[in-house]
Amino acid sequence: MAKLRISGIPSDKPVRVTAELPATVHRDLLAYAEALAHETGQPVDPPKLIAPMLARFMATDRGFAKLRRPSQSRDVSVG
């Protein structure tokens, strides 16, 4: 089994999640939101960044991508 960076439960419906973040991660999230707001000229609610960040992380996680690929049969039938 491939090693995943994070694990999750897939769902099509939005789910409210309460999580504790280390103070350093929270400060970085606030700084990221501030930088994005400066770049776009629009205010950014830091918690709203978490879902897209996680989605991006999972989209670039090679181990996760490998597990999601449909398995290809290596059996060759000789008829």
PDB file of N, CA and C in Angstrom:
ATOM      1  N   MET A   1       0.842  -1.174   0.000  1.00  0.00           N
ATOM      2  CA  MET A   1       0.000   0.000   0.000  1.00  0.00           C
ATOM      3  C   MET A   1       0.890   1.241   0.000  1.00  0.00           C
ATOM      4  N   ALA A   2       0.524   2.230  -0.809  1.00  0.00           N
ATOM      5  CA  ALA A   2       1.296   3.463  -0.889  1.00  0.00           C
ATOM      6  C   ALA A   2       1.125   4.290   0.383  1.00  0.00           C
ATOM      7  N   LYS A   3       2.154   5.022   0.724  1.00  0.00           N
ATOM      8  CA  LYS A   3       2.109   5.869   1.913  1.00  0.00           C
ATOM      9  C   LYS A   3       1.431   7.183   1.555  1.00  0.00           C
ATOM     10  N   LEU A   4       0.370   7.535   2.270  1.00  0.00           N
ATOM     11  CA  LEU A   4      -0.355   8.772   2.036  1.00  0.00           C
ATOM     12  C   LEU A   4       0.145   9.861   2.961  1.00  0.00           C
ATOM     13  N   ARG A   5       0.064  11.081   2.511  1.00  0.00           N
ATOM     14  CA  ARG A   5       0.441  12.207   3.356  1.00  0.00           C
ATOM     15  C   ARG A   5      -0.665  12.505   4.358  1.00  0.00           C
ATOM     16  N   ILE A   6      -1.897  12.389   3.926  1.00  0.00           N
ATOM     17  CA  ILE A   6      -3.045  12.567   4.809  1.00  0.00           C
ATOM     18  C   ILE A   6      -4.096  11.554   4.413  1.00  0.00           C
ATOM     19  N   SER A   7      -5.080  11.364   5.266  1.00  0.00           N
ATOM     20  CA  SER A   7      -6.188  10.481   4.905  1.00  0.00           C
ATOM     21  C   SER A   7      -7.484  11.247   5.084  1.00  0.00           C
ATOM     22  N   GLY A   8      -8.533  10.810   4.424  1.00  0.00           N
ATOM     23  CA  GLY A   8      -9.808  11.509   4.511  1.00  0.00           C
ATOM     24  C   GLY A   8     -10.956  10.609   4.126  1.00  0.00           C
ATOM     25  N   ILE A   9     -12.148  11.115   4.303  1.00  0.00           N
ATOM     26  CA  ILE A   9     -13.360  10.394   3.964  1.00  0.00           C
ATOM     27  C   ILE A   9     -14.016  11.129   2.798  1.00  0.00           C
ATOM     28  N   PRO A  10     -14.122  10.483   1.622  1.00  0.00           N
ATOM     29  CA  PRO A  10     -14.716  11.156   0.477  1.00  0.00           C
ATOM     30  C   PRO A  10     -16.214  11.397   0.676  1.00  0.00           C
ATOM     31  N   SER A  11     -16.690  12.555   0.217  1.00  0.00           N
ATOM     32  CA  SER A  11     -18.105  12.887   0.313  1.00  0.00           C
ATOM     33  C   SER A  11     -18.419  13.972  -0.698  1.00  0.00           C
ATOM     34  N   ASP A  12     -19.619  13.945  -1.236  1.00  0.00           N
ATOM     35  CA  ASP A  12     -20.038  14.961  -2.185  1.00  0.00           C
ATOM     36  C   ASP A  12     -20.683  16.152  -1.491  1.00  0.00           C
ATOM     37  N   LYS A  13     -21.090  15.977  -0.257  1.00  0.00           N
ATOM     38  CA  LYS A  13     -21.759  17.040   0.479  1.00  0.00           C
ATOM     39  C   LYS A  13     -20.758  17.772   1.371  1.00  0.00           C
ATOM     40  N   PRO A  14     -20.910  19.109   1.477  1.00  0.00           N
ATOM     41  CA  PRO A  14     -20.026  19.837   2.403  1.00  0.00           C
ATOM     42  C   PRO A  14     -20.208  19.316   3.821  1.00  0.00           C
ATOM     43  N   VAL A  15     -19.130  19.257   4.535  1.00  0.00           N
ATOM     44  CA  VAL A  15     -19.135  18.757   5.901  1.00  0.00           C
ATOM     45  C   VAL A  15     -18.452  19.789   6.786  1.00  0.00           C
ATOM     46  N   ARG A  16     -19.088  20.135   7.883  1.00  0.00           N
ATOM     47  CA  ARG A  16     -18.472  21.065   8.826  1.00  0.00           C
ATOM     48  C   ARG A  16     -17.479  20.270   9.672  1.00  0.00           C
ATOM     49  N   VAL A  17     -16.280  20.796   9.765  1.00  0.00           N
ATOM     50  CA  VAL A  17     -15.216  20.143  10.512  1.00  0.00           C
ATOM     51  C   VAL A  17     -14.638  21.134  11.515  1.00  0.00           C
ATOM     52  N   THR A  18     -14.447  20.665  12.719  1.00  0.00           N
ATOM     53  CA  THR A  18     -13.764  21.462  13.724  1.00  0.00           C
ATOM     54  C   THR A  18     -12.410  20.829  13.948  1.00  0.00           C
ATOM     55  N   ALA A  19     -11.371  21.626  13.817  1.00  0.00           N
ATOM     56  CA  ALA A  19     -10.021  21.093  13.968  1.00  0.00           C
ATOM     57  C   ALA A  19      -9.169  22.076  14.755  1.00  0.00           C
ATOM     58  N   GLU A  20      -8.214  21.534  15.458  1.00  0.00           N
ATOM     59  CA  GLU A  20      -7.236  22.361  16.152  1.00  0.00           C
ATOM     60  C   GLU A  20      -5.984  22.424  15.289  1.00  0.00           C
ATOM     61  N   LEU A  21      -5.497  23.636  15.099  1.00  0.00           N
ATOM     62  CA  LEU A  21      -4.278  23.831  14.320  1.00  0.00           C
ATOM     63  C   LEU A  21      -3.149  24.251  15.255  1.00  0.00           C
ATOM     64  N   PRO A  22      -1.954  23.799  14.983  1.00  0.00           N
ATOM     65  CA  PRO A  22      -0.830  24.328  15.747  1.00  0.00           C
ATOM     66  C   PRO A  22      -0.746  25.832  15.514  1.00  0.00           C
ATOM     67  N   ALA A  23      -0.273  26.559  16.498  1.00  0.00           N
ATOM     68  CA  ALA A  23      -0.201  28.017  16.399  1.00  0.00           C
ATOM     69  C   ALA A  23       0.598  28.462  15.180  1.00  0.00           C
ATOM     70  N   THR A  24       1.665  27.758  14.858  1.00  0.00           N
ATOM     71  CA  THR A  24       2.487  28.150  13.700  1.00  0.00           C
ATOM     72  C   THR A  24       1.706  27.998  12.400  1.00  0.00           C
ATOM     73  N   VAL A  25       0.919  26.934  12.296  1.00  0.00           N
ATOM     74  CA  VAL A  25       0.105  26.724  11.091  1.00  0.00           C
ATOM     75  C   VAL A  25      -0.968  27.803  10.997  1.00  0.00           C
ATOM     76  N   HIS A  26      -1.580  28.142  12.123  1.00  0.00           N
ATOM     77  CA  HIS A  26      -2.592  29.196  12.134  1.00  0.00           C
ATOM     78  C   HIS A  26      -1.995  30.531  11.706  1.00  0.00           C
ATOM     79  N   ARG A  27      -0.823  30.851  12.213  1.00  0.00           N
ATOM     80  CA  ARG A  27      -0.167  32.104  11.823  1.00  0.00           C
ATOM     81  C   ARG A  27       0.147  32.113  10.331  1.00  0.00           C
ATOM     82  N   ASP A  28       0.607  30.982   9.818  1.00  0.00           N
ATOM     83  CA  ASP A  28       0.897  30.887   8.380  1.00  0.00           C
ATOM     84  C   ASP A  28      -0.383  31.019   7.554  1.00  0.00           C
ATOM     85  N   LEU A  29      -1.473  30.438   8.025  1.00  0.00           N
ATOM     86  CA  LEU A  29      -2.758  30.548   7.332  1.00  0.00           C
ATOM     87  C   LEU A  29      -3.207  32.010   7.284  1.00  0.00           C
ATOM     88  N   LEU A  30      -3.067  32.724   8.406  1.00  0.00           N
ATOM     89  CA  LEU A  30      -3.414  34.142   8.453  1.00  0.00           C
ATOM     90  C   LEU A  30      -2.531  34.946   7.493  1.00  0.00           C
ATOM     91  N   ALA A  31      -1.236  34.642   7.483  1.00  0.00           N
ATOM     92  CA  ALA A  31      -0.311  35.337   6.596  1.00  0.00           C
ATOM     93  C   ALA A  31      -0.636  35.052   5.132  1.00  0.00           C
ATOM     94  N   TYR A  32      -0.998  33.814   4.829  1.00  0.00           N
ATOM     95  CA  TYR A  32      -1.351  33.441   3.457  1.00  0.00           C
ATOM     96  C   TYR A  32      -2.602  34.203   3.021  1.00  0.00           C
ATOM     97  N   ALA A  33      -3.601  34.250   3.902  1.00  0.00           N
ATOM     98  CA  ALA A  33      -4.839  34.970   3.594  1.00  0.00           C
ATOM     99  C   ALA A  33      -4.546  36.457   3.372  1.00  0.00           C
ATOM    100  N   GLU A  34      -3.670  37.007   4.184  1.00  0.00           N
ATOM    101  CA  GLU A  34      -3.301  38.414   4.034  1.00  0.00           C
ATOM    102  C   GLU A  34      -2.597  38.655   2.702  1.00  0.00           C
ATOM    103  N   ALA A  35      -1.677  37.770   2.340  1.00  0.00           N
ATOM    104  CA  ALA A  35      -0.953  37.900   1.075  1.00  0.00           C
ATOM    105  C   ALA A  35      -1.912  37.767  -0.108  1.00  0.00           C
ATOM    106  N   LEU A  36      -2.831  36.819  -0.028  1.00  0.00           N
ATOM    107  CA  LEU A  36      -3.804  36.628  -1.099  1.00  0.00           C
ATOM    108  C   LEU A  36      -4.733  37.832  -1.218  1.00  0.00           C
ATOM    109  N   ALA A  37      -5.153  38.373  -0.087  1.00  0.00           N
ATOM    110  CA  ALA A  37      -6.004  39.568  -0.095  1.00  0.00           C
ATOM    111  C   ALA A  37      -5.264  40.745  -0.719  1.00  0.00           C
ATOM    112  N   HIS A  38      -3.994  40.878  -0.409  1.00  0.00           N
ATOM    113  CA  HIS A  38      -3.186  41.955  -0.984  1.00  0.00           C
ATOM    114  C   HIS A  38      -3.066  41.785  -2.494  1.00  0.00           C
ATOM    115  N   GLU A  39      -2.866  40.530  -2.922  1.00  0.00           N
ATOM    116  CA  GLU A  39      -2.695  40.239  -4.343  1.00  0.00           C
ATOM    117  C   GLU A  39      -3.981  40.439  -5.140  1.00  0.00           C
ATOM    118  N   THR A  40      -5.120  40.044  -4.566  1.00  0.00           N
ATOM    119  CA  THR A  40      -6.385  40.094  -5.293  1.00  0.00           C
ATOM    120  C   THR A  40      -7.186  41.366  -5.032  1.00  0.00           C
ATOM    121  N   GLY A  41      -6.858  42.059  -3.946  1.00  0.00           N
ATOM    122  CA  GLY A  41      -7.629  43.236  -3.586  1.00  0.00           C
ATOM    123  C   GLY A  41      -8.962  42.914  -2.937  1.00  0.00           C
ATOM    124  N   GLN A  42      -9.170  41.649  -2.609  1.00  0.00           N
ATOM    125  CA  GLN A  42     -10.405  41.187  -1.979  1.00  0.00           C
ATOM    126  C   GLN A  42     -10.084  40.616  -0.606  1.00  0.00           C
ATOM    127  N   PRO A  43     -10.935  40.880   0.392  1.00  0.00           N
ATOM    128  CA  PRO A  43     -10.688  40.270   1.705  1.00  0.00           C
ATOM    129  C   PRO A  43     -10.830  38.748   1.627  1.00  0.00           C
ATOM    130  N   VAL A  44     -10.024  38.057   2.401  1.00  0.00           N
ATOM    131  CA  VAL A  44     -10.033  36.588   2.398  1.00  0.00           C
ATOM    132  C   VAL A  44     -10.252  36.103   3.820  1.00  0.00           C
ATOM    133  N   ASP A  45     -11.233  35.221   4.000  1.00  0.00           N
ATOM    134  CA  ASP A  45     -11.492  34.597   5.294  1.00  0.00           C
ATOM    135  C   ASP A  45     -10.554  33.396   5.416  1.00  0.00           C
ATOM    136  N   PRO A  46      -9.559  33.444   6.304  1.00  0.00           N
ATOM    137  CA  PRO A  46      -8.556  32.374   6.372  1.00  0.00           C
ATOM    138  C   PRO A  46      -9.121  30.952   6.427  1.00  0.00           C
ATOM    139  N   PRO A  47     -10.157  30.655   7.230  1.00  0.00           N
ATOM    140  CA  PRO A  47     -10.659  29.283   7.233  1.00  0.00           C
ATOM    141  C   PRO A  47     -11.187  28.802   5.868  1.00  0.00           C
ATOM    142  N   LYS A  48     -11.609  29.728   5.021  1.00  0.00           N
ATOM    143  CA  LYS A  48     -12.097  29.343   3.684  1.00  0.00           C
ATOM    144  C   LYS A  48     -10.966  28.840   2.785  1.00  0.00           C
ATOM    145  N   LEU A  49      -9.726  29.082   3.183  1.00  0.00           N
ATOM    146  CA  LEU A  49      -8.590  28.618   2.395  1.00  0.00           C
ATOM    147  C   LEU A  49      -8.252  27.151   2.647  1.00  0.00           C
ATOM    148  N   ILE A  50      -8.697  26.625   3.761  1.00  0.00           N
ATOM    149  CA  ILE A  50      -8.299  25.273   4.160  1.00  0.00           C
ATOM    150  C   ILE A  50      -8.745  24.216   3.150  1.00  0.00           C
ATOM    151  N   ALA A  51     -10.003  24.242   2.727  1.00  0.00           N
ATOM    152  CA  ALA A  51     -10.490  23.232   1.777  1.00  0.00           C
ATOM    153  C   ALA A  51      -9.736  23.269   0.452  1.00  0.00           C
ATOM    154  N   PRO A  52      -9.557  24.447  -0.174  1.00  0.00           N
ATOM    155  CA  PRO A  52      -8.793  24.440  -1.424  1.00  0.00           C
ATOM    156  C   PRO A  52      -7.335  24.029  -1.238  1.00  0.00           C
ATOM    157  N   MET A  53      -6.767  24.358  -0.079  1.00  0.00           N
ATOM    158  CA  MET A  53      -5.390  23.946   0.185  1.00  0.00           C
ATOM    159  C   MET A  53      -5.293  22.431   0.307  1.00  0.00           C
ATOM    160  N   LEU A  54      -6.240  21.840   1.015  1.00  0.00           N
ATOM    161  CA  LEU A  54      -6.248  20.384   1.146  1.00  0.00           C
ATOM    162  C   LEU A  54      -6.491  19.717  -0.203  1.00  0.00           C
ATOM    163  N   ALA A  55      -7.415  20.276  -0.984  1.00  0.00           N
ATOM    164  CA  ALA A  55      -7.697  19.708  -2.308  1.00  0.00           C
ATOM    165  C   ALA A  55      -6.455  19.761  -3.185  1.00  0.00           C
ATOM    166  N   ARG A  56      -5.755  20.879  -3.138  1.00  0.00           N
ATOM    167  CA  ARG A  56      -4.535  21.028  -3.932  1.00  0.00           C
ATOM    168  C   ARG A  56      -3.461  20.045  -3.471  1.00  0.00           C
ATOM    169  N   PHE A  57      -3.342  19.912  -2.156  1.00  0.00           N
ATOM    170  CA  PHE A  57      -2.373  18.970  -1.597  1.00  0.00           C
ATOM    171  C   PHE A  57      -2.660  17.551  -2.079  1.00  0.00           C
ATOM    172  N   MET A  58      -3.913  17.144  -1.999  1.00  0.00           N
ATOM    173  CA  MET A  58      -4.271  15.789  -2.421  1.00  0.00           C
ATOM    174  C   MET A  58      -4.088  15.602  -3.916  1.00  0.00           C
ATOM    175  N   ALA A  59      -4.354  16.648  -4.684  1.00  0.00           N
ATOM    176  CA  ALA A  59      -4.201  16.554  -6.133  1.00  0.00           C
ATOM    177  C   ALA A  59      -2.742  16.373  -6.537  1.00  0.00           C
ATOM    178  N   THR A  60      -1.813  16.815  -5.696  1.00  0.00           N
ATOM    179  CA  THR A  60      -0.399  16.708  -6.033  1.00  0.00           C
ATOM    180  C   THR A  60       0.325  15.616  -5.240  1.00  0.00           C
ATOM    181  N   ASP A  61      -0.404  14.843  -4.459  1.00  0.00           N
ATOM    182  CA  ASP A  61       0.183  13.759  -3.666  1.00  0.00           C
ATOM    183  C   ASP A  61       0.310  12.523  -4.559  1.00  0.00           C
ATOM    184  N   ARG A  62       1.518  12.176  -4.927  1.00  0.00           N
ATOM    185  CA  ARG A  62       1.746  11.059  -5.862  1.00  0.00           C
ATOM    186  C   ARG A  62       1.255   9.721  -5.314  1.00  0.00           C
ATOM    187  N   GLY A  63       1.452   9.501  -4.025  1.00  0.00           N
ATOM    188  CA  GLY A  63       0.980   8.252  -3.425  1.00  0.00           C
ATOM    189  C   GLY A  63      -0.532   8.133  -3.503  1.00  0.00           C
ATOM    190  N   PHE A  64      -1.210   9.235  -3.262  1.00  0.00           N
ATOM    191  CA  PHE A  64      -2.665   9.255  -3.335  1.00  0.00           C
ATOM    192  C   PHE A  64      -3.127   9.047  -4.781  1.00  0.00           C
ATOM    193  N   ALA A  65      -2.469   9.711  -5.714  1.00  0.00           N
ATOM    194  CA  ALA A  65      -2.825   9.563  -7.133  1.00  0.00           C
ATOM    195  C   ALA A  65      -2.642   8.121  -7.582  1.00  0.00           C
ATOM    196  N   LYS A  66      -1.590   7.485  -7.098  1.00  0.00           N
ATOM    197  CA  LYS A  66      -1.316   6.095  -7.469  1.00  0.00           C
ATOM    198  C   LYS A  66      -2.437   5.176  -6.977  1.00  0.00           C
ATOM    199  N   LEU A  67      -2.927   5.418  -5.760  1.00  0.00           N
ATOM    200  CA  LEU A  67      -4.011   4.604  -5.227  1.00  0.00           C
ATOM    201  C   LEU A  67      -5.332   4.833  -5.956  1.00  0.00           C
ATOM    202  N   ARG A  68      -5.538   6.010  -6.481  1.00  0.00           N
ATOM    203  CA  ARG A  68      -6.796   6.340  -7.139  1.00  0.00           C
ATOM    204  C   ARG A  68      -6.846   5.876  -8.585  1.00  0.00           C
ATOM    205  N   ARG A  69      -5.700   5.598  -9.187  1.00  0.00           N
ATOM    206  CA  ARG A  69      -5.677   5.121 -10.572  1.00  0.00           C
ATOM    207  C   ARG A  69      -6.385   3.782 -10.675  1.00  0.00           C
ATOM    208  N   PRO A  70      -7.187   3.612 -11.721  1.00  0.00           N
ATOM    209  CA  PRO A  70      -7.813   2.300 -11.898  1.00  0.00           C
ATOM    210  C   PRO A  70      -6.725   1.242 -12.106  1.00  0.00           C
ATOM    211  N   SER A  71      -6.885   0.112 -11.456  1.00  0.00           N
ATOM    212  CA  SER A  71      -5.872  -0.931 -11.607  1.00  0.00           C
ATOM    213  C   SER A  71      -5.947  -1.504 -13.008  1.00  0.00           C
ATOM    214  N   GLN A  72      -4.787  -1.704 -13.574  1.00  0.00           N
ATOM    215  CA  GLN A  72      -4.706  -2.261 -14.915  1.00  0.00           C
ATOM    216  C   GLN A  72      -4.300  -3.713 -14.819  1.00  0.00           C
ATOM    217  N   SER A  73      -5.047  -4.538 -15.477  1.00  0.00           N
ATOM    218  CA  SER A  73      -4.757  -5.968 -15.436  1.00  0.00           C
ATOM    219  C   SER A  73      -3.451  -6.244 -16.163  1.00  0.00           C
ATOM    220  N   ARG A  74      -2.611  -7.038 -15.522  1.00  0.00           N
ATOM    221  CA  ARG A  74      -1.345  -7.410 -16.156  1.00  0.00           C
ATOM    222  C   ARG A  74      -1.426  -8.812 -16.735  1.00  0.00           C
ATOM    223  N   ASP A  75      -2.587  -9.455 -16.560  1.00  0.00           N
ATOM    224  CA  ASP A  75      -2.773 -10.794 -17.104  1.00  0.00           C
ATOM    225  C   ASP A  75      -2.978 -10.728 -18.601  1.00  0.00           C
ATOM    226  N   VAL A  76      -2.307 -11.585 -19.290  1.00  0.00           N
ATOM    227  CA  VAL A  76      -2.472 -11.657 -20.746  1.00  0.00           C
ATOM    228  C   VAL A  76      -3.111 -12.992 -21.052  1.00  0.00           C
ATOM    229  N   SER A  77      -4.265 -12.920 -21.688  1.00  0.00           N
ATOM    230  CA  SER A  77      -4.976 -14.157 -22.043  1.00  0.00           C
ATOM    231  C   SER A  77      -4.452 -14.670 -23.393  1.00  0.00           C
ATOM    232  N   VAL A  78      -4.181 -15.931 -23.391  1.00  0.00           N
ATOM    233  CA  VAL A  78      -3.755 -16.563 -24.634  1.00  0.00           C
ATOM    234  C   VAL A  78      -4.909 -17.419 -25.109  1.00  0.00           C
ATOM    235  N   GLY A  79      -5.420 -17.122 -26.296  1.00  0.00           N
ATOM    236  CA  GLY A  79      -6.638 -17.764 -26.731  1.00  0.00           C
ATOM    237  C   GLY A  79      -6.425 -18.839 -27.624  1.00  0.00           C
TER     238      GLY A  79
END
